[in-house]
Amino acid sequence: MPSCNSRKPWLPRRVKKNLFADLLATDVVQEIETLLGRQAVEDLDLEALELAVRQKVLQLAGAAVEQRLNADTSDERGSRTRCGCGQEARLVGRRSKQVHSVLGPLQLERAYYHCSSCGHGFCPRDEHLGIENTSLSPALTRMVGTVGAMVSFQEGSELLTELAGVAVDAKQVERSAEALGKEIAEDERLHSEPLDALPAATASARVMGSWASKTPHSLPPSRAWWARWVPWSASRKAASC
């Protein structure tokens, strides 16, 4: 017969998770009630309400995510950890970083290590969360990649604000486009058969076919790699699952 101590260890976490969800839902309902006030439904501007509620819900969710991530200090791997150069890096403390996400700005605290051998400093959690060397969250990066592959950088910035309620200026869209373009080019260089190893006709057909089928006509050839972000990112996401 099972003892009283045989309770599964995930139960407390599950209860905590449910409590967290209930509290967030309560906050959302309260915000909606505040926005509605005593206004009659006949006088309600539904579009304005939708946008206001979306913004409030995103703010609440963003604050909850930020609090939850910052409460976890498991990224402190002791006083020292291995650096990419092979030497040991020393824990300096926790450093703050603002990350732009689909939930709004997040102020994240992470353990920061510094290697005196190579002079490199790094936060292990940045790599884990997918925010290393960028201020955009993975989900927002995917959105930026999608609009950047379809329209101009300025139009992409406007679409993100209009459709997702996220403010990303055109310059940031452009910088992200350039970084992603280089990553896609490097990924294809490593994982695709080199063009110079193919017959000339096959190589030419592959290049022209890629541009014709995957590159919007409004994009110049210099953004050909970038325009392939959508299928490339989808394949990367599927491979990681």
C-alpha atoms as a PDB file:
ATOM      1  CA  MET A   1       0.000   0.000   0.000  1.00  0.00           C
ATOM      2  CA  PRO A   2       1.515   3.387  -0.946  1.00  0.00           C
ATOM      3  CA  SER A   3       2.717   5.532   1.883  1.00  0.00           C
ATOM      4  CA  CYS A   4       1.710   9.131   2.554  1.00  0.00           C
ATOM      5  CA  ASN A   5       5.067  10.236   1.137  1.00  0.00           C
ATOM      6  CA  SER A   6       4.416   8.680  -2.276  1.00  0.00           C
ATOM      7  CA  ARG A   7       2.747  11.798  -3.652  1.00  0.00           C
ATOM      8  CA  LYS A   8       4.075  12.752  -7.054  1.00  0.00           C
ATOM      9  CA  PRO A   9       6.530  15.675  -6.889  1.00  0.00           C
ATOM     10  CA  TRP A  10       4.795  17.578  -9.687  1.00  0.00           C
ATOM     11  CA  LEU A  11       1.581  18.133  -7.723  1.00  0.00           C
ATOM     12  CA  PRO A  12       2.725  21.232  -5.799  1.00  0.00           C
ATOM     13  CA  ARG A  13       4.008  22.759  -9.040  1.00  0.00           C
ATOM     14  CA  ARG A  14       0.715  21.958 -10.765  1.00  0.00           C
ATOM     15  CA  VAL A  15      -1.275  23.562  -7.960  1.00  0.00           C
ATOM     16  CA  LYS A  16       1.000  26.604  -8.098  1.00  0.00           C
ATOM     17  CA  LYS A  17       0.564  26.781 -11.868  1.00  0.00           C
ATOM     18  CA  ASN A  18      -3.228  26.657 -11.585  1.00  0.00           C
ATOM     19  CA  LEU A  19      -3.199  29.313  -8.872  1.00  0.00           C
ATOM     20  CA  PHE A  20      -1.024  31.533 -11.041  1.00  0.00           C
ATOM     21  CA  ALA A  21      -3.406  31.116 -14.001  1.00  0.00           C
ATOM     22  CA  ASP A  22      -6.437  31.862 -11.809  1.00  0.00           C
ATOM     23  CA  LEU A  23      -4.864  35.039 -10.441  1.00  0.00           C
ATOM     24  CA  LEU A  24      -3.963  36.230 -13.944  1.00  0.00           C
ATOM     25  CA  ALA A  25      -7.497  35.497 -15.162  1.00  0.00           C
ATOM     26  CA  THR A  26      -8.933  37.456 -12.224  1.00  0.00           C
ATOM     27  CA  ASP A  27      -6.751  40.451 -13.074  1.00  0.00           C
ATOM     28  CA  VAL A  28      -7.879  40.291 -16.693  1.00  0.00           C
ATOM     29  CA  VAL A  29     -11.566  40.211 -15.736  1.00  0.00           C
ATOM     30  CA  GLN A  30     -11.076  43.166 -13.380  1.00  0.00           C
ATOM     31  CA  GLU A  31      -9.375  45.172 -16.113  1.00  0.00           C
ATOM     32  CA  ILE A  32     -12.218  44.431 -18.545  1.00  0.00           C
ATOM     33  CA  GLU A  33     -14.796  45.503 -15.968  1.00  0.00           C
ATOM     34  CA  THR A  34     -12.856  48.727 -15.410  1.00  0.00           C
ATOM     35  CA  LEU A  35     -12.742  49.440 -19.140  1.00  0.00           C
ATOM     36  CA  LEU A  36     -16.443  48.729 -19.586  1.00  0.00           C
ATOM     37  CA  GLY A  37     -17.569  50.666 -16.536  1.00  0.00           C
ATOM     38  CA  ARG A  38     -21.316  51.268 -16.478  1.00  0.00           C
ATOM     39  CA  GLN A  39     -21.518  51.925 -20.198  1.00  0.00           C
ATOM     40  CA  ALA A  40     -24.524  50.387 -21.960  1.00  0.00           C
ATOM     41  CA  VAL A  41     -23.752  47.802 -24.637  1.00  0.00           C
ATOM     42  CA  GLU A  42     -25.644  49.906 -27.200  1.00  0.00           C
ATOM     43  CA  ASP A  43     -23.134  52.741 -26.655  1.00  0.00           C
ATOM     44  CA  LEU A  44     -20.106  50.478 -26.728  1.00  0.00           C
ATOM     45  CA  ASP A  45     -17.291  51.000 -29.238  1.00  0.00           C
ATOM     46  CA  LEU A  46     -16.313  47.364 -29.680  1.00  0.00           C
ATOM     47  CA  GLU A  47     -13.205  48.061 -31.748  1.00  0.00           C
ATOM     48  CA  ALA A  48     -11.817  50.442 -29.135  1.00  0.00           C
ATOM     49  CA  LEU A  49     -12.650  47.935 -26.403  1.00  0.00           C
ATOM     50  CA  GLU A  50     -10.924  45.094 -28.273  1.00  0.00           C
ATOM     51  CA  LEU A  51      -7.721  47.082 -28.679  1.00  0.00           C
ATOM     52  CA  ALA A  52      -7.740  48.352 -25.094  1.00  0.00           C
ATOM     53  CA  VAL A  53      -8.360  44.871 -23.666  1.00  0.00           C
ATOM     54  CA  ARG A  54      -5.628  43.375 -25.828  1.00  0.00           C
ATOM     55  CA  GLN A  55      -3.152  45.952 -24.585  1.00  0.00           C
ATOM     56  CA  LYS A  56      -4.106  45.413 -20.949  1.00  0.00           C
ATOM     57  CA  VAL A  57      -3.961  41.625 -21.233  1.00  0.00           C
ATOM     58  CA  LEU A  58      -0.535  41.791 -22.864  1.00  0.00           C
ATOM     59  CA  GLN A  59       0.735  44.105 -20.116  1.00  0.00           C
ATOM     60  CA  LEU A  60      -0.532  41.792 -17.379  1.00  0.00           C
ATOM     61  CA  ALA A  61       0.877  38.707 -19.073  1.00  0.00           C
ATOM     62  CA  GLY A  62       4.209  40.433 -19.703  1.00  0.00           C
ATOM     63  CA  ALA A  63       4.505  41.451 -16.059  1.00  0.00           C
ATOM     64  CA  ALA A  64       3.686  37.887 -14.956  1.00  0.00           C
ATOM     65  CA  VAL A  65       6.272  36.358 -17.318  1.00  0.00           C
ATOM     66  CA  GLU A  66       8.903  38.871 -16.253  1.00  0.00           C
ATOM     67  CA  GLN A  67       8.275  38.162 -12.575  1.00  0.00           C
ATOM     68  CA  ARG A  68       8.379  34.404 -13.091  1.00  0.00           C
ATOM     69  CA  LEU A  69      11.640  34.439 -15.071  1.00  0.00           C
ATOM     70  CA  ASN A  70      13.380  36.792 -12.656  1.00  0.00           C
ATOM     71  CA  ALA A  71      12.358  34.689  -9.665  1.00  0.00           C
ATOM     72  CA  ASP A  72      14.326  31.755 -11.095  1.00  0.00           C
ATOM     73  CA  THR A  73      18.070  32.040 -10.392  1.00  0.00           C
ATOM     74  CA  SER A  74      18.986  28.534 -11.512  1.00  0.00           C
ATOM     75  CA  ASP A  75      21.187  30.042 -14.246  1.00  0.00           C
ATOM     76  CA  GLU A  76      23.808  30.712 -11.573  1.00  0.00           C
ATOM     77  CA  ARG A  77      25.954  27.644 -12.187  1.00  0.00           C
ATOM     78  CA  GLY A  78      28.136  28.163  -9.174  1.00  0.00           C
ATOM     79  CA  SER A  79      30.948  30.688  -8.815  1.00  0.00           C
ATOM     80  CA  ARG A  80      32.589  29.482 -12.045  1.00  0.00           C
ATOM     81  CA  THR A  81      31.481  27.934 -15.326  1.00  0.00           C
ATOM     82  CA  ARG A  82      33.098  26.902 -18.593  1.00  0.00           C
ATOM     83  CA  CYS A  83      33.692  29.626 -21.180  1.00  0.00           C
ATOM     84  CA  GLY A  84      33.564  29.024 -24.922  1.00  0.00           C
ATOM     85  CA  CYS A  85      37.347  29.437 -25.073  1.00  0.00           C
ATOM     86  CA  GLY A  86      37.760  26.403 -22.839  1.00  0.00           C
ATOM     87  CA  GLN A  87      38.785  28.279 -19.726  1.00  0.00           C
ATOM     88  CA  GLU A  88      36.734  29.056 -16.633  1.00  0.00           C
ATOM     89  CA  ALA A  89      34.582  32.181 -16.344  1.00  0.00           C
ATOM     90  CA  ARG A  90      33.805  33.801 -12.996  1.00  0.00           C
ATOM     91  CA  LEU A  91      30.326  34.751 -11.785  1.00  0.00           C
ATOM     92  CA  VAL A  92      30.171  38.543 -11.514  1.00  0.00           C
ATOM     93  CA  GLY A  93      26.535  38.915 -10.479  1.00  0.00           C
ATOM     94  CA  ARG A  94      23.162  39.416 -12.092  1.00  0.00           C
ATOM     95  CA  ARG A  95      22.752  41.809 -15.021  1.00  0.00           C
ATOM     96  CA  SER A  96      19.577  43.391 -16.366  1.00  0.00           C
ATOM     97  CA  LYS A  97      18.530  43.374 -20.015  1.00  0.00           C
ATOM     98  CA  GLN A  98      15.450  44.803 -21.678  1.00  0.00           C
ATOM     99  CA  VAL A  99      13.907  42.427 -24.192  1.00  0.00           C
ATOM    100  CA  HIS A 100      11.190  43.517 -26.610  1.00  0.00           C
ATOM    101  CA  SER A 101       8.571  40.787 -26.852  1.00  0.00           C
ATOM    102  CA  VAL A 102       5.060  40.246 -28.186  1.00  0.00           C
ATOM    103  CA  LEU A 103       3.915  40.889 -24.593  1.00  0.00           C
ATOM    104  CA  GLY A 104       5.696  44.237 -24.469  1.00  0.00           C
ATOM    105  CA  PRO A 105       9.076  45.113 -22.940  1.00  0.00           C
ATOM    106  CA  LEU A 106      10.506  42.628 -20.426  1.00  0.00           C
ATOM    107  CA  GLN A 107      13.238  43.602 -17.955  1.00  0.00           C
ATOM    108  CA  LEU A 108      15.102  40.358 -17.349  1.00  0.00           C
ATOM    109  CA  GLU A 109      17.758  39.638 -14.720  1.00  0.00           C
ATOM    110  CA  ARG A 110      20.379  37.040 -15.669  1.00  0.00           C
ATOM    111  CA  ALA A 111      23.557  35.593 -14.183  1.00  0.00           C
ATOM    112  CA  TYR A 112      26.607  37.214 -15.815  1.00  0.00           C
ATOM    113  CA  TYR A 113      29.968  35.447 -16.119  1.00  0.00           C
ATOM    114  CA  HIS A 114      33.276  36.949 -17.224  1.00  0.00           C
ATOM    115  CA  CYS A 115      36.337  35.103 -18.509  1.00  0.00           C
ATOM    116  CA  SER A 116      39.640  36.789 -17.686  1.00  0.00           C
ATOM    117  CA  SER A 117      41.477  34.574 -20.189  1.00  0.00           C
ATOM    118  CA  CYS A 118      39.684  35.775 -23.321  1.00  0.00           C
ATOM    119  CA  GLY A 119      37.944  38.839 -21.894  1.00  0.00           C
ATOM    120  CA  HIS A 120      34.542  37.552 -22.953  1.00  0.00           C
ATOM    121  CA  GLY A 121      31.436  38.069 -20.826  1.00  0.00           C
ATOM    122  CA  PHE A 122      28.214  36.120 -21.247  1.00  0.00           C
ATOM    123  CA  CYS A 123      24.870  35.204 -19.706  1.00  0.00           C
ATOM    124  CA  PRO A 124      24.035  31.479 -20.056  1.00  0.00           C
ATOM    125  CA  ARG A 125      20.307  32.188 -19.884  1.00  0.00           C
ATOM    126  CA  ASP A 126      20.425  34.388 -22.989  1.00  0.00           C
ATOM    127  CA  GLU A 127      21.337  31.403 -25.153  1.00  0.00           C
ATOM    128  CA  HIS A 128      18.702  29.239 -23.468  1.00  0.00           C
ATOM    129  CA  LEU A 129      15.937  31.822 -24.043  1.00  0.00           C
ATOM    130  CA  GLY A 130      17.070  32.650 -27.578  1.00  0.00           C
ATOM    131  CA  ILE A 131      17.929  36.290 -26.828  1.00  0.00           C
ATOM    132  CA  GLU A 132      21.710  36.122 -27.179  1.00  0.00           C
ATOM    133  CA  ASN A 133      23.070  39.140 -29.088  1.00  0.00           C
ATOM    134  CA  THR A 134      19.571  40.489 -29.686  1.00  0.00           C
ATOM    135  CA  SER A 135      16.979  42.581 -27.884  1.00  0.00           C
ATOM    136  CA  LEU A 136      14.041  40.830 -29.568  1.00  0.00           C
ATOM    137  CA  SER A 137      12.320  37.747 -28.166  1.00  0.00           C
ATOM    138  CA  PRO A 138      12.074  34.644 -30.402  1.00  0.00           C
ATOM    139  CA  ALA A 139       8.348  35.170 -31.077  1.00  0.00           C
ATOM    140  CA  LEU A 140       8.849  38.811 -31.997  1.00  0.00           C
ATOM    141  CA  THR A 141      11.834  37.887 -34.150  1.00  0.00           C
ATOM    142  CA  ARG A 142       9.580  35.470 -36.044  1.00  0.00           C
ATOM    143  CA  MET A 143       7.027  38.250 -36.579  1.00  0.00           C
ATOM    144  CA  VAL A 144       9.726  40.664 -37.744  1.00  0.00           C
ATOM    145  CA  GLY A 145      11.063  37.996 -40.084  1.00  0.00           C
ATOM    146  CA  THR A 146       7.651  37.381 -41.588  1.00  0.00           C
ATOM    147  CA  VAL A 147       6.812  41.012 -42.324  1.00  0.00           C
ATOM    148  CA  GLY A 148      10.377  41.765 -43.388  1.00  0.00           C
ATOM    149  CA  ALA A 149      10.195  39.030 -46.013  1.00  0.00           C
ATOM    150  CA  MET A 150       6.988  40.398 -47.496  1.00  0.00           C
ATOM    151  CA  VAL A 151       7.064  44.189 -47.382  1.00  0.00           C
ATOM    152  CA  SER A 152       9.478  47.076 -46.885  1.00  0.00           C
ATOM    153  CA  PHE A 153      11.035  47.653 -43.470  1.00  0.00           C
ATOM    154  CA  GLN A 154       8.886  50.716 -42.851  1.00  0.00           C
ATOM    155  CA  GLU A 155       5.711  48.890 -43.860  1.00  0.00           C
ATOM    156  CA  GLY A 156       6.760  45.961 -41.684  1.00  0.00           C
ATOM    157  CA  SER A 157       7.131  48.267 -38.691  1.00  0.00           C
ATOM    158  CA  GLU A 158       3.667  49.703 -39.295  1.00  0.00           C
ATOM    159  CA  LEU A 159       2.120  46.231 -39.685  1.00  0.00           C
ATOM    160  CA  LEU A 160       3.592  45.053 -36.372  1.00  0.00           C
ATOM    161  CA  THR A 161       2.069  48.048 -34.605  1.00  0.00           C
ATOM    162  CA  GLU A 162      -1.298  47.712 -36.313  1.00  0.00           C
ATOM    163  CA  LEU A 163      -1.755  43.944 -36.144  1.00  0.00           C
ATOM    164  CA  ALA A 164       0.199  42.904 -33.059  1.00  0.00           C
ATOM    165  CA  GLY A 165       0.261  46.098 -31.015  1.00  0.00           C
ATOM    166  CA  VAL A 166       4.056  45.889 -30.858  1.00  0.00           C
ATOM    167  CA  ALA A 167       6.265  48.894 -31.578  1.00  0.00           C
ATOM    168  CA  VAL A 168       9.385  47.990 -33.576  1.00  0.00           C
ATOM    169  CA  ASP A 169      10.874  50.836 -35.580  1.00  0.00           C
ATOM    170  CA  ALA A 170      11.943  50.405 -39.200  1.00  0.00           C
ATOM    171  CA  LYS A 171      15.648  50.507 -38.327  1.00  0.00           C
ATOM    172  CA  GLN A 172      15.224  47.640 -35.874  1.00  0.00           C
ATOM    173  CA  VAL A 173      13.359  45.639 -38.517  1.00  0.00           C
ATOM    174  CA  GLU A 174      16.224  46.317 -40.930  1.00  0.00           C
ATOM    175  CA  ARG A 175      18.925  45.325 -38.412  1.00  0.00           C
ATOM    176  CA  SER A 176      17.068  42.123 -37.604  1.00  0.00           C
ATOM    177  CA  ALA A 177      16.671  41.446 -41.322  1.00  0.00           C
ATOM    178  CA  GLU A 178      20.385  41.766 -41.920  1.00  0.00           C
ATOM    179  CA  ALA A 179      21.268  39.530 -38.955  1.00  0.00           C
ATOM    180  CA  LEU A 180      18.740  36.873 -39.941  1.00  0.00           C
ATOM    181  CA  GLY A 181      19.819  37.053 -43.564  1.00  0.00           C
ATOM    182  CA  LYS A 182      23.408  36.270 -42.549  1.00  0.00           C
ATOM    183  CA  GLU A 183      22.244  33.420 -40.311  1.00  0.00           C
ATOM    184  CA  ILE A 184      20.146  31.902 -43.090  1.00  0.00           C
ATOM    185  CA  ALA A 185      23.015  32.218 -45.575  1.00  0.00           C
ATOM    186  CA  GLU A 186      25.442  30.565 -43.152  1.00  0.00           C
ATOM    187  CA  ASP A 187      22.948  27.811 -42.321  1.00  0.00           C
ATOM    188  CA  GLU A 188      22.390  27.029 -45.986  1.00  0.00           C
ATOM    189  CA  ARG A 189      26.123  27.152 -46.630  1.00  0.00           C
ATOM    190  CA  LEU A 190      26.707  24.504 -43.953  1.00  0.00           C
ATOM    191  CA  HIS A 191      23.726  22.272 -44.697  1.00  0.00           C
ATOM    192  CA  SER A 192      23.234  22.589 -48.452  1.00  0.00           C
ATOM    193  CA  GLU A 193      25.297  21.107 -51.227  1.00  0.00           C
ATOM    194  CA  PRO A 194      27.702  23.784 -52.556  1.00  0.00           C
ATOM    195  CA  LEU A 195      26.599  25.248 -55.865  1.00  0.00           C
ATOM    196  CA  ASP A 196      30.082  24.839 -57.363  1.00  0.00           C
ATOM    197  CA  ALA A 197      29.795  21.075 -56.750  1.00  0.00           C
ATOM    198  CA  LEU A 198      26.732  20.880 -58.993  1.00  0.00           C
ATOM    199  CA  PRO A 199      26.561  20.902 -62.784  1.00  0.00           C
ATOM    200  CA  ALA A 200      26.372  24.474 -64.085  1.00  0.00           C
ATOM    201  CA  ALA A 201      22.806  24.082 -65.395  1.00  0.00           C
ATOM    202  CA  THR A 202      21.595  22.616 -62.084  1.00  0.00           C
ATOM    203  CA  ALA A 203      23.292  25.341 -60.028  1.00  0.00           C
ATOM    204  CA  SER A 204      21.835  28.082 -62.194  1.00  0.00           C
ATOM    205  CA  ALA A 205      18.351  26.559 -62.058  1.00  0.00           C
ATOM    206  CA  ARG A 206      18.544  26.213 -58.271  1.00  0.00           C
ATOM    207  CA  VAL A 207      19.496  29.871 -57.774  1.00  0.00           C
ATOM    208  CA  MET A 208      16.928  31.219 -60.215  1.00  0.00           C
ATOM    209  CA  GLY A 209      14.251  28.874 -58.908  1.00  0.00           C
ATOM    210  CA  SER A 210      14.854  29.965 -55.323  1.00  0.00           C
ATOM    211  CA  TRP A 211      14.591  33.630 -56.205  1.00  0.00           C
ATOM    212  CA  ALA A 212      11.560  33.182 -58.427  1.00  0.00           C
ATOM    213  CA  SER A 213       9.582  31.011 -56.018  1.00  0.00           C
ATOM    214  CA  LYS A 214      10.578  32.439 -52.638  1.00  0.00           C
ATOM    215  CA  THR A 215      11.444  36.076 -53.207  1.00  0.00           C
ATOM    216  CA  PRO A 216       8.622  38.668 -53.495  1.00  0.00           C
ATOM    217  CA  HIS A 217       8.962  40.677 -56.709  1.00  0.00           C
ATOM    218  CA  SER A 218       9.234  43.910 -54.688  1.00  0.00           C
ATOM    219  CA  LEU A 219      12.468  42.768 -53.021  1.00  0.00           C
ATOM    220  CA  PRO A 220      15.893  43.435 -54.554  1.00  0.00           C
ATOM    221  CA  PRO A 221      18.319  40.495 -55.051  1.00  0.00           C
ATOM    222  CA  SER A 222      20.330  41.682 -52.009  1.00  0.00           C
ATOM    223  CA  ARG A 223      17.409  40.546 -49.820  1.00  0.00           C
ATOM    224  CA  ALA A 224      17.031  37.135 -51.465  1.00  0.00           C
ATOM    225  CA  TRP A 225      18.397  35.255 -48.461  1.00  0.00           C
ATOM    226  CA  TRP A 226      16.229  37.318 -46.145  1.00  0.00           C
ATOM    227  CA  ALA A 227      13.097  36.591 -48.141  1.00  0.00           C
ATOM    228  CA  ARG A 228      13.656  32.892 -47.509  1.00  0.00           C
ATOM    229  CA  TRP A 229      13.182  33.497 -43.775  1.00  0.00           C
ATOM    230  CA  VAL A 230       9.615  32.158 -43.640  1.00  0.00           C
ATOM    231  CA  PRO A 231      10.263  28.620 -44.994  1.00  0.00           C
ATOM    232  CA  TRP A 232      13.678  28.488 -43.303  1.00  0.00           C
ATOM    233  CA  SER A 233      12.373  29.492 -39.880  1.00  0.00           C
ATOM    234  CA  ALA A 234       9.498  27.046 -40.182  1.00  0.00           C
ATOM    235  CA  SER A 235      11.900  24.196 -40.918  1.00  0.00           C
ATOM    236  CA  ARG A 236      14.156  25.203 -37.997  1.00  0.00           C
ATOM    237  CA  LYS A 237      11.164  25.280 -35.631  1.00  0.00           C
ATOM    238  CA  ALA A 238       9.985  21.864 -36.798  1.00  0.00           C
ATOM    239  CA  ALA A 239      13.474  20.420 -36.349  1.00  0.00           C
ATOM    240  CA  SER A 240      13.670  21.684 -32.773  1.00  0.00           C
ATOM    241  CA  CYS A 241      10.376  20.022 -31.754  1.00  0.00           C
END
